């Protein structure tokens, strides 16, 4: 059974950094599109970034472009989201996605 497990969230001050991880199990990791989404309280879930595991092409939401970097480690079946220069508006639950499968989410709070 496919599972996606996120980790790495936490509380960070504005301008700080965090790295989120999402590890997949029960699935062949190659030739997949991995995505990160986020959802802030009272708002709809929104796309953050994506990466293909068969070429490494990436896409970012305009709001995170230049600050966030998505990457993948095929050997560990893990996708990462490195978040730099974090802002209070980045506060949200962050979710890993593969097709119709979602992780449980990890909370990121940016506050002084």
Protein backbone atom coordinates (compact mmCIF):
# COMPACT_ATOMS: atom_id res chain seq x y z
CA UNK A 1 0.00 0.00 0.00
CA UNK A 2 1.37 3.40 -1.01
CA UNK A 3 2.20 5.75 1.85
CA UNK A 4 3.64 9.24 1.90
CA UNK A 5 5.12 10.44 5.18
CA UNK A 6 6.17 14.06 5.66
CA UNK A 7 8.51 15.44 8.30
CA UNK A 8 10.58 18.52 9.03
CA UNK A 9 7.96 21.10 9.92
CA UNK A 10 8.21 23.37 12.93
CA UNK A 11 8.33 26.90 14.25
CA UNK A 12 10.81 29.28 12.66
CA UNK A 13 11.39 33.02 12.75
CA UNK A 14 10.83 35.19 9.68
CA UNK A 15 13.85 34.96 7.41
CA UNK A 16 14.71 31.49 8.66
CA UNK A 17 14.89 28.17 6.85
CA UNK A 18 13.39 24.69 7.07
CA UNK A 19 13.69 21.54 5.03
CA UNK A 20 10.66 19.29 4.61
CA UNK A 21 10.96 15.65 3.64
CA UNK A 22 8.43 13.26 2.14
CA UNK A 23 9.26 9.57 1.96
CA UNK A 24 7.26 7.19 -0.21
CA UNK A 25 6.76 3.51 0.45
CA UNK A 26 4.86 0.79 -1.31
CA UNK A 27 5.42 2.29 -4.74
CA UNK A 28 7.91 2.38 -7.56
CA UNK A 29 9.42 5.81 -7.22
CA UNK A 30 10.69 6.29 -10.74
CA UNK A 31 8.65 8.00 -13.45
CA UNK A 32 6.52 9.89 -10.99
CA UNK A 33 5.52 13.50 -10.49
CA UNK A 34 5.95 14.57 -6.88
CA UNK A 35 4.32 17.73 -5.59
CA UNK A 36 4.11 19.87 -2.47
CA UNK A 37 0.95 21.73 -1.55
CA UNK A 38 0.09 23.86 1.46
CA UNK A 39 -3.07 24.92 3.24
CA UNK A 40 -3.35 27.83 5.63
CA UNK A 41 -6.25 28.09 8.10
CA UNK A 42 -9.41 29.26 6.36
CA UNK A 43 -7.85 29.00 2.90
CA UNK A 44 -7.91 26.47 0.09
CA UNK A 45 -5.04 24.10 -0.49
CA UNK A 46 -2.59 25.59 -2.96
CA UNK A 47 0.20 24.27 -5.15
CA UNK A 48 3.74 25.03 -4.00
CA UNK A 49 6.18 23.06 -6.15
CA UNK A 50 6.58 19.92 -8.26
CA UNK A 51 9.37 17.74 -9.56
CA UNK A 52 9.48 14.80 -11.93
CA UNK A 53 11.49 11.80 -10.81
CA UNK A 54 12.35 11.01 -14.45
CA UNK A 55 14.30 14.07 -15.46
CA UNK A 56 14.13 16.38 -12.51
CA UNK A 57 12.18 19.21 -14.13
CA UNK A 58 10.68 21.53 -11.52
CA UNK A 59 7.83 24.00 -11.26
CA UNK A 60 7.15 26.56 -8.53
CA UNK A 61 4.33 28.80 -7.45
CA UNK A 62 5.17 32.46 -8.00
CA UNK A 63 4.88 33.11 -4.27
CA UNK A 64 7.82 30.80 -3.46
CA UNK A 65 9.96 31.11 -6.58
CA UNK A 66 13.54 31.98 -5.68
CA UNK A 67 13.05 31.03 -2.02
CA UNK A 68 12.01 27.35 -2.10
CA UNK A 69 13.82 24.47 -3.80
CA UNK A 70 12.31 21.06 -4.49
CA UNK A 71 14.61 18.08 -4.97
CA UNK A 72 14.45 14.30 -4.99
CA UNK A 73 16.58 11.38 -3.88
CA UNK A 74 15.53 8.32 -5.87
CA UNK A 75 17.54 5.91 -3.75
CA UNK A 76 15.70 6.96 -0.60
CA UNK A 77 12.34 7.51 -2.36
CA UNK A 78 12.30 10.92 -0.77
CA UNK A 79 11.35 14.35 -2.04
CA UNK A 80 12.54 17.46 -0.23
CA UNK A 81 11.36 21.04 -0.01
CA UNK A 82 14.06 23.44 1.16
CA UNK A 83 12.46 26.68 2.28
CA UNK A 84 14.61 29.78 2.71
CA UNK A 85 13.76 33.37 3.66
CA UNK A 86 10.51 32.22 5.20
CA UNK A 87 7.72 34.73 5.69
CA UNK A 88 4.72 34.71 8.05
CA UNK A 89 2.49 34.13 5.03
CA UNK A 90 4.26 30.80 4.46
CA UNK A 91 2.60 29.51 7.63
CA UNK A 92 0.50 26.48 6.66
CA UNK A 93 0.22 22.73 6.77
CA UNK A 94 2.40 21.34 3.99
CA UNK A 95 1.34 18.21 2.14
CA UNK A 96 3.20 15.84 -0.14
CA UNK A 97 1.31 14.53 -3.18
CA UNK A 98 1.77 11.73 -5.71
CA UNK A 99 -1.18 11.38 -8.06
CA UNK A 100 -4.23 10.67 -5.93
CA UNK A 101 -2.19 10.00 -2.80
CA UNK A 102 -1.51 12.51 -0.03
CA UNK A 103 0.62 12.54 3.05
CA UNK A 104 -0.72 13.47 6.46
CA UNK A 105 0.85 16.93 6.39
CA UNK A 106 3.46 18.72 8.44
CA UNK A 107 2.90 22.11 10.07
CA UNK A 108 5.14 25.07 9.30
CA UNK A 109 4.73 28.18 11.44
CA UNK A 110 6.70 31.33 10.70
CA UNK A 111 6.49 33.75 13.58
CA UNK A 112 8.68 35.92 15.77
